[in-house]
Amino acid sequence: GQLPQAMSAAASFMAKADGPRIGFVEDSGWDTHGNQATVLQRKLAELDAGVRAFHDGAGASWERSVVAVVTEFGRTAAVNGTGGTDHGTGGVAFLAGGAIRGGRIAGDWPGLSPRALNEGRDLRATADLRGLFKHLLSAHLGVSETALETQVFPGSGAVRAMEGLVASR
């Protein structure tokens, strides 16, 4: 459970007037091939404590903050034989922070019916995460569309930025 301490440290750096505008914190232990319910209960509590630590450490800068919690890969929809799930296609991203227009689910939810699943086993990916990051970087930090498509995500011209996630600056 090092995530709350890492998030608190990130907040203290970023809350400084001359602090960085972007931070990155990595957390491991989410690869739940077995005993998923127990692991997720612990990991989700750590994530909750981590976001709370960032909120508390950010102070007044929380109102200008965007926190993106993004998975590296998806999981299968069905539980495997060891009480876990295997690697799959569809993932999830959560956004928090005072600069987020939240309180809703953004994107398409295809459902969990057998016909809605990718190859009958995985959540169907309905959005390219580059579109999420394009919007966050453009709307929140003012990165130009040209820079996003040529330097940040080269060759991503066909990926449209998601809209309406960040409150107006």
N, C-alpha and C. Protein backbone atom coordinates (compact mmCIF):
# COMPACT_ATOMS: atom_id res chain seq x y z
N GLY A 1 0.75 -1.21 0.00
CA GLY A 1 0.00 0.00 0.00
C GLY A 1 0.79 1.27 0.00
N GLN A 2 1.65 1.49 -0.98
CA GLN A 2 2.43 2.72 -1.09
C GLN A 2 1.71 3.83 -1.86
N LEU A 3 0.58 3.53 -2.46
CA LEU A 3 -0.08 4.52 -3.32
C LEU A 3 -0.47 5.80 -2.57
N PRO A 4 -1.07 5.74 -1.40
CA PRO A 4 -1.42 7.00 -0.73
C PRO A 4 -0.20 7.90 -0.47
N GLN A 5 0.92 7.30 -0.09
CA GLN A 5 2.12 8.10 0.14
C GLN A 5 2.63 8.72 -1.16
N ALA A 6 2.61 7.96 -2.24
CA ALA A 6 3.06 8.47 -3.54
C ALA A 6 2.16 9.59 -4.02
N MET A 7 0.86 9.44 -3.84
CA MET A 7 -0.09 10.47 -4.27
C MET A 7 0.06 11.73 -3.42
N SER A 8 0.31 11.56 -2.14
CA SER A 8 0.53 12.71 -1.26
C SER A 8 1.79 13.46 -1.68
N ALA A 9 2.86 12.72 -2.00
CA ALA A 9 4.10 13.35 -2.45
C ALA A 9 3.88 14.09 -3.77
N ALA A 10 3.17 13.48 -4.70
CA ALA A 10 2.88 14.14 -5.98
C ALA A 10 2.12 15.44 -5.74
N ALA A 11 1.14 15.39 -4.86
CA ALA A 11 0.34 16.59 -4.57
C ALA A 11 1.21 17.69 -3.98
N SER A 12 2.11 17.34 -3.08
CA SER A 12 2.93 18.38 -2.46
C SER A 12 3.85 19.04 -3.48
N PHE A 13 4.38 18.28 -4.43
CA PHE A 13 5.21 18.87 -5.50
C PHE A 13 4.36 19.76 -6.40
N MET A 14 3.20 19.24 -6.80
CA MET A 14 2.38 19.94 -7.78
C MET A 14 1.67 21.16 -7.20
N ALA A 15 1.46 21.20 -5.90
CA ALA A 15 0.76 22.33 -5.27
C ALA A 15 1.66 23.56 -5.16
N LYS A 16 2.96 23.39 -5.30
CA LYS A 16 3.88 24.53 -5.22
C LYS A 16 3.67 25.46 -6.41
N ALA A 17 3.82 26.75 -6.18
CA ALA A 17 3.65 27.73 -7.25
C ALA A 17 4.56 27.44 -8.44
N ASP A 18 5.76 26.96 -8.19
CA ASP A 18 6.70 26.65 -9.27
C ASP A 18 6.79 25.14 -9.52
N GLY A 19 5.80 24.40 -9.05
CA GLY A 19 5.81 22.95 -9.20
C GLY A 19 5.43 22.50 -10.60
N PRO A 20 5.59 21.22 -10.87
CA PRO A 20 5.26 20.68 -12.20
C PRO A 20 3.76 20.74 -12.46
N ARG A 21 3.41 20.79 -13.74
CA ARG A 21 2.00 20.81 -14.13
C ARG A 21 1.47 19.42 -14.40
N ILE A 22 2.37 18.46 -14.58
CA ILE A 22 1.98 17.07 -14.84
C ILE A 22 2.78 16.17 -13.93
N GLY A 23 2.12 15.19 -13.34
CA GLY A 23 2.78 14.19 -12.52
C GLY A 23 2.30 12.81 -12.92
N PHE A 24 3.05 11.81 -12.53
CA PHE A 24 2.71 10.43 -12.85
C PHE A 24 3.01 9.56 -11.65
N VAL A 25 2.05 8.76 -11.26
CA VAL A 25 2.23 7.80 -10.18
C VAL A 25 1.78 6.45 -10.71
N GLU A 26 2.61 5.43 -10.52
CA GLU A 26 2.28 4.08 -10.98
C GLU A 26 1.99 3.21 -9.77
N ASP A 27 1.02 2.33 -9.93
CA ASP A 27 0.68 1.39 -8.86
C ASP A 27 0.60 -0.01 -9.47
N SER A 28 1.06 -0.99 -8.74
CA SER A 28 1.03 -2.37 -9.24
C SER A 28 0.15 -3.21 -8.32
N GLY A 29 0.00 -4.48 -8.69
CA GLY A 29 -0.77 -5.41 -7.88
C GLY A 29 -2.20 -5.60 -8.33
N TRP A 30 -2.54 -5.08 -9.50
CA TRP A 30 -3.91 -5.17 -10.01
C TRP A 30 -4.12 -6.37 -10.92
N ASP A 31 -3.10 -7.11 -11.24
CA ASP A 31 -3.20 -8.22 -12.19
C ASP A 31 -3.78 -9.43 -11.45
N THR A 32 -5.09 -9.53 -11.45
CA THR A 32 -5.82 -10.44 -10.57
C THR A 32 -6.29 -11.69 -11.30
N HIS A 33 -5.37 -12.58 -11.59
CA HIS A 33 -5.75 -13.85 -12.22
C HIS A 33 -6.42 -14.80 -11.24
N GLY A 34 -6.24 -14.58 -9.95
CA GLY A 34 -6.85 -15.42 -8.93
C GLY A 34 -7.24 -14.60 -7.71
N ASN A 35 -8.25 -15.08 -6.98
CA ASN A 35 -8.68 -14.45 -5.73
C ASN A 35 -8.98 -12.97 -5.91
N GLN A 36 -9.64 -12.63 -6.99
CA GLN A 36 -9.85 -11.24 -7.38
C GLN A 36 -10.65 -10.44 -6.37
N ALA A 37 -11.67 -10.99 -5.80
CA ALA A 37 -12.52 -10.21 -4.89
C ALA A 37 -11.72 -9.68 -3.71
N THR A 38 -10.88 -10.50 -3.14
CA THR A 38 -10.07 -10.07 -1.99
C THR A 38 -9.04 -9.02 -2.41
N VAL A 39 -8.38 -9.27 -3.53
CA VAL A 39 -7.36 -8.32 -4.01
C VAL A 39 -8.00 -6.98 -4.35
N LEU A 40 -9.12 -7.01 -5.07
CA LEU A 40 -9.76 -5.75 -5.46
C LEU A 40 -10.27 -4.97 -4.25
N GLN A 41 -10.75 -5.64 -3.24
CA GLN A 41 -11.19 -4.93 -2.04
C GLN A 41 -10.04 -4.12 -1.46
N ARG A 42 -8.87 -4.73 -1.38
CA ARG A 42 -7.69 -4.04 -0.84
C ARG A 42 -7.19 -2.95 -1.79
N LYS A 43 -7.08 -3.27 -3.09
CA LYS A 43 -6.55 -2.31 -4.05
C LYS A 43 -7.47 -1.11 -4.24
N LEU A 44 -8.78 -1.33 -4.26
CA LEU A 44 -9.70 -0.20 -4.41
C LEU A 44 -9.67 0.70 -3.18
N ALA A 45 -9.48 0.12 -2.00
CA ALA A 45 -9.34 0.94 -0.78
C ALA A 45 -8.06 1.77 -0.86
N GLU A 46 -6.97 1.20 -1.39
CA GLU A 46 -5.72 1.94 -1.57
C GLU A 46 -5.91 3.07 -2.58
N LEU A 47 -6.62 2.79 -3.67
CA LEU A 47 -6.87 3.82 -4.67
C LEU A 47 -7.69 4.96 -4.07
N ASP A 48 -8.72 4.62 -3.33
CA ASP A 48 -9.54 5.62 -2.65
C ASP A 48 -8.68 6.48 -1.72
N ALA A 49 -7.84 5.82 -0.93
CA ALA A 49 -6.96 6.56 -0.01
C ALA A 49 -5.94 7.39 -0.78
N GLY A 50 -5.48 6.90 -1.93
CA GLY A 50 -4.53 7.64 -2.74
C GLY A 50 -5.12 8.91 -3.33
N VAL A 51 -6.33 8.82 -3.87
CA VAL A 51 -6.97 10.01 -4.42
C VAL A 51 -7.29 10.99 -3.30
N ARG A 52 -7.71 10.48 -2.15
CA ARG A 52 -7.96 11.35 -0.99
C ARG A 52 -6.66 12.05 -0.56
N ALA A 53 -5.54 11.31 -0.55
CA ALA A 53 -4.26 11.91 -0.17
C ALA A 53 -3.85 13.00 -1.15
N PHE A 54 -4.11 12.77 -2.45
CA PHE A 54 -3.80 13.82 -3.43
C PHE A 54 -4.69 15.03 -3.19
N HIS A 55 -5.97 14.79 -3.01
CA HIS A 55 -6.92 15.89 -2.74
C HIS A 55 -6.46 16.71 -1.54
N ASP A 56 -6.18 16.04 -0.45
CA ASP A 56 -5.80 16.74 0.78
C ASP A 56 -4.46 17.46 0.63
N GLY A 57 -3.51 16.84 -0.07
CA GLY A 57 -2.20 17.45 -0.25
C GLY A 57 -2.19 18.57 -1.26
N ALA A 58 -3.13 18.55 -2.20
CA ALA A 58 -3.17 19.58 -3.24
C ALA A 58 -3.68 20.91 -2.70
N GLY A 59 -4.48 20.87 -1.65
CA GLY A 59 -5.02 22.10 -1.09
C GLY A 59 -5.83 22.87 -2.12
N ALA A 60 -5.57 24.17 -2.23
CA ALA A 60 -6.34 25.03 -3.13
C ALA A 60 -6.14 24.66 -4.59
N SER A 61 -5.01 24.01 -4.93
CA SER A 61 -4.77 23.64 -6.33
C SER A 61 -5.66 22.49 -6.80
N TRP A 62 -6.36 21.82 -5.86
CA TRP A 62 -7.29 20.75 -6.25
C TRP A 62 -8.32 21.28 -7.25
N GLU A 63 -8.77 22.49 -7.07
CA GLU A 63 -9.79 23.06 -7.96
C GLU A 63 -9.32 23.17 -9.40
N ARG A 64 -8.02 23.17 -9.62
CA ARG A 64 -7.44 23.26 -10.97
C ARG A 64 -6.86 21.92 -11.42
N SER A 65 -7.10 20.87 -10.67
CA SER A 65 -6.46 19.58 -10.92
C SER A 65 -7.30 18.62 -11.75
N VAL A 66 -6.58 17.78 -12.48
CA VAL A 66 -7.16 16.64 -13.19
C VAL A 66 -6.36 15.42 -12.75
N VAL A 67 -7.04 14.42 -12.26
CA VAL A 67 -6.42 13.15 -11.90
C VAL A 67 -7.03 12.09 -12.82
N ALA A 68 -6.19 11.41 -13.59
CA ALA A 68 -6.65 10.35 -14.48
C ALA A 68 -6.13 9.02 -13.94
N VAL A 69 -7.03 8.11 -13.69
CA VAL A 69 -6.68 6.76 -13.25
C VAL A 69 -7.01 5.85 -14.45
N VAL A 70 -5.97 5.25 -15.03
CA VAL A 70 -6.14 4.53 -16.29
C VAL A 70 -5.53 3.15 -16.17
N THR A 71 -6.22 2.15 -16.69
CA THR A 71 -5.71 0.79 -16.69
C THR A 71 -4.75 0.58 -17.84
N GLU A 72 -3.84 -0.33 -17.64
CA GLU A 72 -2.85 -0.68 -18.67
C GLU A 72 -3.47 -1.63 -19.70
N PHE A 73 -4.39 -2.47 -19.24
CA PHE A 73 -5.06 -3.42 -20.12
C PHE A 73 -6.39 -3.80 -19.49
N GLY A 74 -7.26 -4.40 -20.28
CA GLY A 74 -8.56 -4.81 -19.78
C GLY A 74 -8.54 -6.20 -19.16
N ARG A 75 -9.69 -6.63 -18.72
CA ARG A 75 -9.87 -7.95 -18.11
C ARG A 75 -11.04 -8.64 -18.82
N THR A 76 -11.07 -9.95 -18.73
CA THR A 76 -12.21 -10.69 -19.27
C THR A 76 -13.45 -10.37 -18.43
N ALA A 77 -14.61 -10.55 -19.02
CA ALA A 77 -15.85 -10.27 -18.31
C ALA A 77 -16.22 -11.38 -17.34
N ALA A 78 -15.85 -12.60 -17.66
CA ALA A 78 -16.21 -13.75 -16.83
C ALA A 78 -15.06 -14.13 -15.90
N VAL A 79 -15.42 -14.64 -14.75
CA VAL A 79 -14.44 -15.12 -13.77
C VAL A 79 -13.85 -16.43 -14.27
N ASN A 80 -12.54 -16.61 -14.06
CA ASN A 80 -11.88 -17.86 -14.46
C ASN A 80 -12.00 -18.90 -13.34
N GLY A 81 -11.34 -20.01 -13.51
CA GLY A 81 -11.44 -21.11 -12.55
C GLY A 81 -10.76 -20.87 -11.21
N THR A 82 -9.97 -19.81 -11.08
CA THR A 82 -9.28 -19.52 -9.82
C THR A 82 -9.84 -18.28 -9.13
N GLY A 83 -11.04 -17.87 -9.53
CA GLY A 83 -11.68 -16.73 -8.89
C GLY A 83 -11.10 -15.39 -9.30
N GLY A 84 -10.52 -15.33 -10.47
CA GLY A 84 -9.96 -14.09 -11.00
C GLY A 84 -10.44 -13.87 -12.42
N THR A 85 -9.80 -12.96 -13.10
CA THR A 85 -10.08 -12.73 -14.52
C THR A 85 -8.75 -12.68 -15.26
N ASP A 86 -8.83 -12.93 -16.56
CA ASP A 86 -7.63 -12.95 -17.38
C ASP A 86 -7.54 -11.66 -18.20
N HIS A 87 -6.42 -11.46 -18.88
CA HIS A 87 -6.23 -10.26 -19.68
C HIS A 87 -7.27 -10.21 -20.78
N GLY A 88 -7.81 -9.02 -21.00
CA GLY A 88 -8.83 -8.82 -22.01
C GLY A 88 -8.60 -7.53 -22.77
N THR A 89 -9.60 -7.10 -23.52
CA THR A 89 -9.43 -5.94 -24.39
C THR A 89 -9.93 -4.64 -23.78
N GLY A 90 -11.12 -4.58 -23.26
CA GLY A 90 -11.70 -3.33 -22.78
C GLY A 90 -11.21 -2.97 -21.40
N GLY A 91 -10.85 -1.72 -21.21
CA GLY A 91 -10.39 -1.23 -19.91
C GLY A 91 -11.28 -0.11 -19.41
N VAL A 92 -10.73 0.69 -18.51
CA VAL A 92 -11.51 1.76 -17.92
C VAL A 92 -10.58 2.92 -17.58
N ALA A 93 -11.14 4.11 -17.53
CA ALA A 93 -10.42 5.29 -17.04
C ALA A 93 -11.37 6.05 -16.13
N PHE A 94 -10.84 6.49 -15.00
CA PHE A 94 -11.60 7.32 -14.07
C PHE A 94 -10.95 8.69 -14.01
N LEU A 95 -11.75 9.74 -13.95
CA LEU A 95 -11.24 11.09 -13.83
C LEU A 95 -11.75 11.71 -12.54
N ALA A 96 -10.90 12.46 -11.88
CA ALA A 96 -11.26 13.17 -10.66
C ALA A 96 -10.55 14.52 -10.70
N GLY A 97 -10.91 15.39 -9.79
CA GLY A 97 -10.26 16.70 -9.69
C GLY A 97 -11.26 17.81 -9.87
N GLY A 98 -10.91 18.95 -9.34
CA GLY A 98 -11.79 20.10 -9.42
C GLY A 98 -12.01 20.63 -10.82
N ALA A 99 -11.11 20.33 -11.75
CA ALA A 99 -11.26 20.80 -13.12
C ALA A 99 -12.09 19.86 -13.99
N ILE A 100 -12.55 18.75 -13.43
CA ILE A 100 -13.32 17.77 -14.18
C ILE A 100 -14.81 18.07 -14.08
N ARG A 101 -15.50 17.98 -15.21
CA ARG A 101 -16.96 18.04 -15.23
C ARG A 101 -17.45 16.61 -15.03
N GLY A 102 -17.59 16.22 -13.78
CA GLY A 102 -17.84 14.82 -13.47
C GLY A 102 -19.28 14.50 -13.14
N GLY A 103 -19.42 13.43 -12.35
CA GLY A 103 -20.73 12.99 -11.94
C GLY A 103 -21.48 12.20 -12.99
N ARG A 104 -20.76 11.63 -13.94
CA ARG A 104 -21.43 10.92 -15.03
C ARG A 104 -20.48 9.90 -15.65
N ILE A 105 -21.02 9.08 -16.49
CA ILE A 105 -20.22 8.15 -17.28
C ILE A 105 -20.13 8.75 -18.68
N ALA A 106 -18.92 8.88 -19.17
CA ALA A 106 -18.71 9.39 -20.53
C ALA A 106 -18.31 8.21 -21.41
N GLY A 107 -18.80 8.20 -22.61
CA GLY A 107 -18.47 7.11 -23.52
C GLY A 107 -19.64 6.16 -23.70
N ASP A 108 -19.40 5.14 -24.46
CA ASP A 108 -20.43 4.15 -24.77
C ASP A 108 -20.25 2.92 -23.89
N TRP A 109 -21.34 2.40 -23.37
CA TRP A 109 -21.33 1.17 -22.58
C TRP A 109 -22.05 0.10 -23.38
N PRO A 110 -21.31 -0.85 -23.95
CA PRO A 110 -21.94 -1.86 -24.79
C PRO A 110 -22.69 -2.93 -24.01
N GLY A 111 -22.42 -3.08 -22.72
CA GLY A 111 -23.08 -4.08 -21.91
C GLY A 111 -22.28 -5.36 -21.78
N LEU A 112 -22.87 -6.31 -21.07
CA LEU A 112 -22.20 -7.57 -20.77
C LEU A 112 -22.89 -8.79 -21.38
N SER A 113 -23.88 -8.56 -22.22
CA SER A 113 -24.54 -9.70 -22.85
C SER A 113 -23.52 -10.42 -23.74
N PRO A 114 -23.70 -11.72 -23.95
CA PRO A 114 -22.74 -12.45 -24.78
C PRO A 114 -22.52 -11.81 -26.15
N ARG A 115 -23.58 -11.26 -26.76
CA ARG A 115 -23.43 -10.63 -28.07
C ARG A 115 -22.67 -9.31 -27.98
N ALA A 116 -22.70 -8.64 -26.82
CA ALA A 116 -22.02 -7.35 -26.67
C ALA A 116 -20.52 -7.53 -26.39
N LEU A 117 -20.13 -8.71 -25.95
CA LEU A 117 -18.73 -8.94 -25.60
C LEU A 117 -17.87 -9.16 -26.85
N ASN A 118 -16.63 -8.74 -26.80
CA ASN A 118 -15.68 -8.98 -27.87
C ASN A 118 -15.25 -10.44 -27.81
N GLU A 119 -15.44 -11.14 -28.90
CA GLU A 119 -15.13 -12.57 -29.00
C GLU A 119 -15.81 -13.38 -27.90
N GLY A 120 -16.94 -12.91 -27.40
CA GLY A 120 -17.72 -13.62 -26.40
C GLY A 120 -17.09 -13.66 -25.02
N ARG A 121 -16.00 -12.89 -24.78
CA ARG A 121 -15.32 -12.99 -23.49
C ARG A 121 -14.88 -11.66 -22.88
N ASP A 122 -14.60 -10.66 -23.72
CA ASP A 122 -14.01 -9.41 -23.25
C ASP A 122 -14.97 -8.24 -23.37
N LEU A 123 -14.80 -7.28 -22.46
CA LEU A 123 -15.49 -6.01 -22.65
C LEU A 123 -15.04 -5.43 -23.98
N ARG A 124 -15.99 -4.88 -24.69
CA ARG A 124 -15.67 -4.29 -25.99
C ARG A 124 -15.10 -2.89 -25.78
N ALA A 125 -13.93 -2.65 -26.34
CA ALA A 125 -13.34 -1.30 -26.29
C ALA A 125 -14.15 -0.39 -27.20
N THR A 126 -14.63 0.72 -26.66
CA THR A 126 -15.47 1.63 -27.44
C THR A 126 -14.81 2.98 -27.67
N ALA A 127 -13.67 3.22 -27.07
CA ALA A 127 -12.97 4.49 -27.25
C ALA A 127 -11.47 4.25 -27.22
N ASP A 128 -10.76 5.07 -27.94
CA ASP A 128 -9.30 5.05 -27.95
C ASP A 128 -8.84 6.01 -26.84
N LEU A 129 -8.05 5.53 -25.91
CA LEU A 129 -7.62 6.38 -24.79
C LEU A 129 -6.82 7.59 -25.24
N ARG A 130 -6.25 7.54 -26.44
CA ARG A 130 -5.58 8.74 -26.94
C ARG A 130 -6.57 9.89 -27.07
N GLY A 131 -7.84 9.59 -27.37
CA GLY A 131 -8.86 10.63 -27.45
C GLY A 131 -9.11 11.27 -26.09
N LEU A 132 -9.09 10.48 -25.04
CA LEU A 132 -9.24 11.00 -23.68
C LEU A 132 -8.07 11.93 -23.36
N PHE A 133 -6.85 11.44 -23.60
CA PHE A 133 -5.67 12.24 -23.29
C PHE A 133 -5.55 13.47 -24.18
N LYS A 134 -5.96 13.35 -25.44
CA LYS A 134 -5.96 14.54 -26.31
C LYS A 134 -6.83 15.63 -25.70
N HIS A 135 -8.01 15.27 -25.25
CA HIS A 135 -8.90 16.26 -24.66
C HIS A 135 -8.30 16.85 -23.39
N LEU A 136 -7.80 16.00 -22.50
CA LEU A 136 -7.23 16.51 -21.25
C LEU A 136 -6.06 17.45 -21.52
N LEU A 137 -5.16 17.07 -22.42
CA LEU A 137 -4.00 17.90 -22.70
C LEU A 137 -4.38 19.19 -23.41
N SER A 138 -5.35 19.14 -24.28
CA SER A 138 -5.78 20.33 -25.00
C SER A 138 -6.61 21.26 -24.11
N ALA A 139 -7.67 20.72 -23.54
CA ALA A 139 -8.60 21.55 -22.77
C ALA A 139 -8.03 22.03 -21.45
N HIS A 140 -7.18 21.21 -20.83
CA HIS A 140 -6.67 21.57 -19.51
C HIS A 140 -5.32 22.26 -19.55
N LEU A 141 -4.46 21.83 -20.46
CA LEU A 141 -3.10 22.40 -20.50
C LEU A 141 -2.83 23.26 -21.73
N GLY A 142 -3.77 23.30 -22.66
CA GLY A 142 -3.61 24.16 -23.83
C GLY A 142 -2.66 23.63 -24.88
N VAL A 143 -2.41 22.32 -24.91
CA VAL A 143 -1.55 21.74 -25.94
C VAL A 143 -2.30 21.79 -27.27
N SER A 144 -1.62 22.26 -28.31
CA SER A 144 -2.27 22.42 -29.61
C SER A 144 -2.58 21.07 -30.25
N GLU A 145 -3.59 21.08 -31.11
CA GLU A 145 -3.97 19.86 -31.84
C GLU A 145 -2.82 19.37 -32.69
N THR A 146 -2.09 20.30 -33.31
CA THR A 146 -0.94 19.91 -34.14
C THR A 146 0.10 19.17 -33.31
N ALA A 147 0.44 19.71 -32.14
CA ALA A 147 1.42 19.06 -31.27
C ALA A 147 0.93 17.69 -30.81
N LEU A 148 -0.36 17.59 -30.50
CA LEU A 148 -0.91 16.31 -30.05
C LEU A 148 -0.79 15.25 -31.14
N GLU A 149 -1.07 15.64 -32.39
CA GLU A 149 -1.10 14.67 -33.48
C GLU A 149 0.27 14.40 -34.09
N THR A 150 1.24 15.27 -33.85
CA THR A 150 2.56 15.05 -34.46
C THR A 150 3.64 14.70 -33.44
N GLN A 151 3.52 15.19 -32.22
CA GLN A 151 4.57 14.96 -31.23
C GLN A 151 4.14 14.05 -30.08
N VAL A 152 2.95 14.28 -29.54
CA VAL A 152 2.51 13.50 -28.39
C VAL A 152 2.00 12.13 -28.83
N PHE A 153 1.12 12.11 -29.82
CA PHE A 153 0.56 10.87 -30.36
C PHE A 153 0.73 10.87 -31.89
N PRO A 154 1.96 10.68 -32.38
CA PRO A 154 2.18 10.73 -33.83
C PRO A 154 1.26 9.77 -34.59
N GLY A 155 0.73 10.27 -35.70
CA GLY A 155 -0.12 9.44 -36.54
C GLY A 155 -1.52 9.22 -35.99
N SER A 156 -1.95 10.07 -35.05
CA SER A 156 -3.27 9.86 -34.42
C SER A 156 -4.33 10.82 -34.95
N GLY A 157 -4.12 11.34 -36.16
CA GLY A 157 -5.06 12.31 -36.70
C GLY A 157 -6.50 11.80 -36.77
N ALA A 158 -6.69 10.50 -36.97
CA ALA A 158 -8.04 9.94 -37.08
C ALA A 158 -8.71 9.77 -35.71
N VAL A 159 -7.95 9.89 -34.63
CA VAL A 159 -8.52 9.74 -33.28
C VAL A 159 -9.00 11.10 -32.80
N ARG A 160 -10.31 11.22 -32.67
CA ARG A 160 -10.89 12.49 -32.22
C ARG A 160 -10.77 12.62 -30.71
N ALA A 161 -10.51 13.84 -30.26
CA ALA A 161 -10.47 14.11 -28.83
C ALA A 161 -11.87 13.96 -28.24
N MET A 162 -11.97 13.36 -27.07
CA MET A 162 -13.24 13.33 -26.37
C MET A 162 -13.57 14.78 -26.00
N GLU A 163 -14.81 15.07 -25.72
CA GLU A 163 -15.21 16.45 -25.44
C GLU A 163 -15.95 16.55 -24.11
N GLY A 164 -15.89 17.72 -23.51
CA GLY A 164 -16.73 18.04 -22.38
C GLY A 164 -16.33 17.45 -21.04
N LEU A 165 -15.12 16.95 -20.91
CA LEU A 165 -14.71 16.35 -19.65
C LEU A 165 -14.10 17.36 -18.67
N VAL A 166 -13.50 18.41 -19.23
CA VAL A 166 -12.82 19.40 -18.43
C VAL A 166 -13.65 20.68 -18.39
N ALA A 167 -13.78 21.26 -17.20
CA ALA A 167 -14.49 22.54 -17.08
C ALA A 167 -13.70 23.62 -17.79
N SER A 168 -14.36 24.65 -18.22
CA SER A 168 -13.69 25.76 -18.92
C SER A 168 -12.63 26.37 -18.04
N ARG A 169 -11.50 26.75 -18.67
CA ARG A 169 -10.40 27.38 -17.94
C ARG A 169 -10.69 28.81 -17.66
